[in-house]
Amino acid sequence: MKKKIYAAAALGLGLMLFGNNAQAQIQDEQNVTITMDLQPVLQLNMNTPDEVDFTFDNIASYMGGEIKYGATILTVSSTVNWQLYAAGISQGSVGVADWDNPVQWGVLSPSASNAIPLNALELHQFPANTVTTNLTGGCATPDYSLAFQSVLGNVGQGITGQNTIYTPGANPYTFPTAADKMIAGGDPNQAGDGMTGGSYLSTTNPYVNPPAGNANGQVAASNFYYIIDYRLVPGLPVTFPLAGSDQCTGLGPVAGFAQPGYYTMDVKYLLIEAQ
């Protein structure tokens, strides 16, 4: 009988100890902080030859000029609102507003000049700048989307300077003003008017087939994909008659005639974050 009592007591004590262990929890923990740093990304890709060469060796090319179609293709990817512009610059060996002239063909005569203005270079872009607010411009459009004008007898049949490249002078990083041309976006000196962030990788490419249901067969142009053409018109006599500021003011063709020679300049494309 005593054995049964002792067994029952032992069983009860065991249940009490087991119950206490079930409720007496011990816990330890460590935390890991997860952070995310969203760095702004502005990426400009340029598909172009190292040099775009113009060679004028016949009367027709002097009078009518030469065009390099699709010589530069610009593609943009950005996580922030952005603006894009082109700047014509040189090393300033002749003048900050003039082409460099490393080689002259023959002796520079008193009536000839090697000071060929940078703004003799014309650009044409596709597609057009979709932002035009706060861009006053001095021309018919505040970008380079107008077709190259024809030339008749050394006179442009349109608005001189309508396709002229922006030339900032000695500092290529001087922003254009509201009166200058922008490839994309508004006045960089003012807040707003930027192109919405995105990428050419995820938007409509101008070269793809028209989407189904597009009755007129046109393809919506991508605001992240730009095709640039270049033109030079020396004229005859060789005065570069279309040279003028991108604001269509301050016309600056060569006085007398241009000295034969080898000339160089740079076109700098700048992608910047909109304010």
Protein backbone atom coordinates (compact mmCIF):
# COMPACT_ATOMS: atom_id res chain seq x y z
CA MET A 1 0.00 0.00 0.00
CA LYS A 2 2.84 2.32 0.88
CA LYS A 3 4.47 1.62 -2.47
CA LYS A 4 1.38 2.84 -4.30
CA ILE A 5 1.30 6.07 -2.24
CA TYR A 6 4.99 6.74 -2.91
CA ALA A 7 4.53 6.08 -6.65
CA ALA A 8 1.56 8.44 -6.83
CA ALA A 9 3.52 11.15 -5.01
CA ALA A 10 6.49 10.73 -7.31
CA LEU A 11 4.24 10.95 -10.34
CA GLY A 12 2.64 14.14 -9.03
CA LEU A 13 6.01 15.73 -8.32
CA GLY A 14 7.17 14.88 -11.86
CA LEU A 15 4.12 16.50 -13.41
CA MET A 16 4.70 19.65 -11.36
CA LEU A 17 8.32 19.87 -12.47
CA PHE A 18 7.39 19.27 -16.12
CA GLY A 19 4.71 21.95 -15.96
CA ASN A 20 7.13 24.51 -14.55
CA ASN A 21 9.68 23.81 -17.31
CA ALA A 22 7.04 24.39 -20.00
CA GLN A 23 6.25 27.91 -18.75
CA ALA A 24 9.78 29.12 -17.89
CA GLN A 25 10.88 30.17 -21.45
CA ILE A 26 14.37 31.59 -22.13
CA GLN A 27 14.77 33.78 -25.27
CA ASP A 28 17.66 35.58 -26.93
CA GLU A 29 17.59 37.60 -30.17
CA GLN A 30 19.75 39.72 -32.45
CA ASN A 31 18.54 42.34 -34.97
CA VAL A 32 19.88 43.09 -38.44
CA THR A 33 19.23 46.58 -39.83
CA ILE A 34 18.46 46.60 -43.56
CA THR A 35 19.33 49.84 -45.39
CA MET A 36 18.81 50.95 -48.98
CA ASP A 37 20.85 53.70 -50.67
CA LEU A 38 19.26 54.89 -53.91
CA GLN A 39 22.08 56.67 -55.71
CA PRO A 40 21.03 58.95 -58.60
CA VAL A 41 22.07 57.54 -61.97
CA LEU A 42 22.53 59.58 -65.13
CA GLN A 43 23.81 57.51 -68.02
CA LEU A 44 24.41 58.84 -71.52
CA ASN A 45 25.54 56.41 -74.22
CA MET A 46 26.83 57.76 -77.53
CA ASN A 47 27.11 55.69 -80.68
CA THR A 48 29.28 57.66 -83.09
CA PRO A 49 32.59 57.42 -84.94
CA ASP A 50 35.61 58.88 -83.17
CA GLU A 51 35.61 61.60 -85.82
CA VAL A 52 32.95 62.96 -88.14
CA ASP A 53 34.84 64.14 -91.21
CA PHE A 54 33.74 66.76 -93.73
CA THR A 55 35.87 67.07 -96.86
CA PHE A 56 35.11 69.84 -99.33
CA ASP A 57 36.90 69.22 -102.61
CA ASN A 58 34.35 70.18 -105.28
CA ILE A 59 32.21 73.21 -106.08
CA ALA A 60 28.88 71.48 -105.42
CA SER A 61 29.85 70.55 -101.85
CA TYR A 62 31.07 74.09 -101.19
CA MET A 63 27.86 75.67 -102.45
CA GLY A 64 25.31 73.19 -101.08
CA GLY A 65 27.21 71.96 -98.05
CA GLU A 66 27.47 68.41 -96.76
CA ILE A 67 25.25 66.50 -94.32
CA LYS A 68 26.24 63.54 -92.16
CA TYR A 69 22.96 61.75 -91.46
CA GLY A 70 22.57 59.80 -88.25
CA ALA A 71 26.22 60.35 -87.39
CA THR A 72 25.50 60.31 -83.66
CA ILE A 73 22.91 58.33 -81.70
CA LEU A 74 22.35 59.28 -78.07
CA THR A 75 20.59 57.00 -75.59
CA VAL A 76 19.64 58.05 -72.07
CA SER A 77 18.93 56.15 -68.87
CA SER A 78 18.21 58.05 -65.68
CA THR A 79 16.65 57.53 -62.26
CA VAL A 80 16.02 61.28 -61.91
CA ASN A 81 14.55 64.00 -64.08
CA TRP A 82 17.10 65.13 -66.65
CA GLN A 83 18.08 67.59 -69.36
CA LEU A 84 20.35 67.19 -72.38
CA TYR A 85 22.22 69.75 -74.46
CA ALA A 86 25.11 69.99 -76.93
CA ALA A 87 28.01 72.45 -76.70
CA GLY A 88 30.42 73.35 -79.49
CA ILE A 89 33.93 73.97 -78.18
CA SER A 90 37.55 74.20 -79.33
CA GLN A 91 41.00 74.44 -77.79
CA GLY A 92 40.98 78.17 -78.47
CA SER A 93 44.14 78.17 -80.58
CA VAL A 94 42.52 80.66 -82.97
CA GLY A 95 39.80 81.93 -80.61
CA VAL A 96 37.44 80.45 -78.03
CA ALA A 97 34.57 80.93 -80.48
CA ASP A 98 36.48 79.56 -83.49
CA TRP A 99 37.55 76.21 -84.91
CA ASP A 100 41.14 75.18 -84.22
CA ASN A 101 43.36 75.32 -87.31
CA PRO A 102 46.31 72.95 -86.81
CA VAL A 103 47.20 72.86 -90.53
CA GLN A 104 46.94 75.53 -93.23
CA TRP A 105 47.10 74.72 -96.94
CA GLY A 106 49.29 77.50 -98.29
CA VAL A 107 50.22 80.87 -96.87
CA LEU A 108 47.53 82.86 -95.07
CA SER A 109 46.85 85.80 -97.37
CA PRO A 110 45.79 89.25 -96.09
CA SER A 111 42.26 88.76 -97.46
CA ALA A 112 41.81 85.27 -95.97
CA SER A 113 40.86 84.30 -92.44
CA ASN A 114 41.30 81.14 -90.41
CA ALA A 115 38.80 82.36 -87.80
CA ILE A 116 35.88 80.10 -88.72
CA PRO A 117 33.16 80.41 -86.06
CA LEU A 118 32.13 77.30 -84.17
CA ASN A 119 28.52 78.15 -84.85
CA ALA A 120 29.03 77.35 -88.53
CA LEU A 121 28.18 73.79 -87.47
CA GLU A 122 24.49 72.90 -87.69
CA LEU A 123 22.67 70.06 -85.93
CA HIS A 124 19.41 68.32 -86.62
CA GLN A 125 17.76 66.09 -84.02
CA PHE A 126 15.03 63.45 -83.99
CA PRO A 127 12.76 63.40 -82.08
CA ALA A 128 12.01 66.99 -81.10
CA ASN A 129 12.31 68.34 -77.58
CA THR A 130 8.95 67.74 -75.89
CA VAL A 131 9.62 70.48 -73.30
CA THR A 132 9.30 74.02 -74.63
CA THR A 133 8.01 75.95 -71.62
CA ASN A 134 10.38 78.65 -70.39
CA LEU A 135 12.49 78.20 -73.53
CA THR A 136 12.12 81.45 -75.41
CA GLY A 137 14.71 80.91 -78.11
CA GLY A 138 15.31 83.46 -80.84
CA CYS A 139 14.29 81.08 -83.59
CA ALA A 140 11.28 79.14 -84.73
CA THR A 141 12.06 76.34 -82.27
CA PRO A 142 14.15 76.06 -79.09
CA ASP A 143 15.77 72.80 -80.23
CA TYR A 144 17.37 71.37 -83.41
CA SER A 145 14.29 69.66 -84.82
CA LEU A 146 13.73 71.93 -87.84
CA ALA A 147 14.90 70.60 -91.20
CA PHE A 148 18.12 72.06 -92.57
CA GLN A 149 17.26 75.11 -94.65
CA SER A 150 18.21 75.30 -98.30
CA VAL A 151 20.88 77.68 -99.57
CA LEU A 152 20.61 79.87 -102.66
CA GLY A 153 23.46 82.15 -103.70
CA ASN A 154 25.12 82.06 -100.27
CA VAL A 155 21.84 83.01 -98.63
CA GLY A 156 19.89 80.64 -96.40
CA GLN A 157 16.25 80.21 -97.36
CA GLY A 158 14.97 80.32 -93.81
CA ILE A 159 16.06 81.62 -90.44
CA THR A 160 19.81 81.82 -90.10
CA GLY A 161 20.85 80.05 -86.93
CA GLN A 162 17.79 77.84 -86.64
CA ASN A 163 20.02 74.74 -86.45
CA THR A 164 23.20 76.37 -85.12
CA ILE A 165 24.96 74.61 -82.25
CA TYR A 166 25.11 76.24 -78.83
CA THR A 167 28.60 77.65 -78.16
CA PRO A 168 29.34 78.45 -74.49
CA GLY A 169 32.80 79.94 -75.07
CA ALA A 170 35.79 79.07 -72.91
CA ASN A 171 33.83 77.03 -70.36
CA PRO A 172 31.96 74.11 -71.96
CA TYR A 173 30.03 73.53 -68.72
CA THR A 174 28.27 76.87 -68.84
CA PHE A 175 24.57 76.02 -68.95
CA PRO A 176 22.49 77.27 -71.87
CA THR A 177 20.01 79.99 -71.05
CA ALA A 178 16.32 80.09 -71.86
CA ALA A 179 17.25 81.71 -75.18
CA ASP A 180 19.53 78.83 -76.25
CA LYS A 181 18.77 75.43 -77.71
CA MET A 182 18.20 72.25 -75.69
CA ILE A 183 18.02 68.75 -77.14
CA ALA A 184 15.76 67.69 -74.28
CA GLY A 185 14.35 69.49 -71.26
CA GLY A 186 13.93 73.13 -70.36
CA ASP A 187 16.14 75.92 -69.08
CA PRO A 188 18.82 74.31 -66.83
CA ASN A 189 19.04 77.52 -64.81
CA GLN A 190 15.41 77.26 -63.68
CA ALA A 191 13.67 74.72 -61.48
CA GLY A 192 11.49 72.12 -63.15
CA ASP A 193 11.05 71.42 -66.87
CA GLY A 194 13.10 68.24 -66.78
CA MET A 195 12.47 65.07 -68.72
CA THR A 196 10.97 62.30 -66.59
CA GLY A 197 13.41 59.62 -65.48
CA GLY A 198 13.43 56.35 -67.40
CA SER A 199 15.50 54.43 -69.91
CA TYR A 200 15.77 53.82 -73.63
CA LEU A 201 15.81 50.13 -72.73
CA SER A 202 12.17 50.23 -71.64
CA THR A 203 10.63 52.78 -74.02
CA THR A 204 9.65 52.83 -77.68
CA ASN A 205 12.55 52.60 -80.10
CA PRO A 206 12.11 54.69 -83.30
CA TYR A 207 13.41 51.78 -85.36
CA VAL A 208 10.90 49.14 -84.32
CA ASN A 209 7.90 48.21 -86.46
CA PRO A 210 4.73 50.26 -85.95
CA PRO A 211 2.52 48.80 -83.23
CA ALA A 212 -0.65 47.00 -84.26
CA GLY A 213 -3.62 49.30 -84.71
CA ASN A 214 -1.52 52.34 -85.65
CA ALA A 215 -3.47 53.46 -88.70
CA ASN A 216 -0.93 55.98 -90.02
CA GLY A 217 2.03 53.66 -89.56
CA GLN A 218 3.97 56.15 -87.47
CA VAL A 219 5.98 55.07 -84.47
CA ALA A 220 5.96 57.05 -81.26
CA ALA A 221 9.45 58.48 -80.81
CA SER A 222 11.32 57.73 -77.63
CA ASN A 223 12.27 60.61 -75.36
CA PHE A 224 15.37 58.62 -74.39
CA TYR A 225 16.69 58.01 -77.91
CA TYR A 226 18.00 60.82 -80.14
CA ILE A 227 19.44 60.73 -83.65
CA ILE A 228 21.75 63.63 -84.55
CA ASP A 229 22.66 64.83 -88.06
CA TYR A 230 25.43 67.35 -88.78
CA ARG A 231 25.78 69.88 -91.60
CA LEU A 232 28.39 72.38 -92.78
CA VAL A 233 27.85 74.89 -95.60
CA PRO A 234 31.08 76.69 -96.62
CA GLY A 235 29.38 78.65 -99.41
CA LEU A 236 31.03 80.21 -102.45
CA PRO A 237 32.81 82.51 -101.77
CA VAL A 238 33.78 80.52 -98.68
CA THR A 239 32.32 82.60 -95.87
CA PHE A 240 30.12 80.03 -94.08
CA PRO A 241 27.05 82.22 -94.64
CA LEU A 242 24.79 80.32 -92.21
CA ALA A 243 27.05 80.90 -89.22
CA GLY A 244 25.14 82.65 -86.46
CA SER A 245 24.27 82.23 -82.83
CA ASP A 246 21.77 79.58 -81.80
CA GLN A 247 19.54 82.46 -80.75
CA CYS A 248 19.41 83.64 -84.40
CA THR A 249 21.22 86.84 -83.49
CA GLY A 250 24.77 88.06 -83.87
CA LEU A 251 25.44 86.58 -87.29
CA GLY A 252 29.11 85.76 -87.73
CA PRO A 253 30.20 84.51 -91.16
CA VAL A 254 33.88 84.71 -92.06
CA ALA A 255 35.07 88.11 -93.24
CA GLY A 256 36.68 87.97 -96.67
CA PHE A 257 37.02 84.24 -97.28
CA ALA A 258 38.10 81.21 -95.26
CA GLN A 259 41.70 80.03 -95.47
CA PRO A 260 42.05 76.51 -96.90
CA GLY A 261 43.26 74.13 -94.24
CA TYR A 262 42.47 71.42 -91.75
CA TYR A 263 40.08 72.50 -88.96
CA THR A 264 38.83 70.74 -85.86
CA MET A 265 36.27 71.30 -83.11
CA ASP A 266 34.52 69.21 -80.47
CA VAL A 267 30.85 68.63 -79.75
CA LYS A 268 30.27 67.86 -76.09
CA TYR A 269 26.94 66.30 -75.11
CA LEU A 270 25.99 66.90 -71.50
CA LEU A 271 23.32 65.03 -69.56
CA ILE A 272 22.45 66.82 -66.31
CA GLU A 273 19.99 66.38 -63.50
CA ALA A 274 17.07 68.80 -63.66
CA GLN A 275 16.61 71.09 -60.70
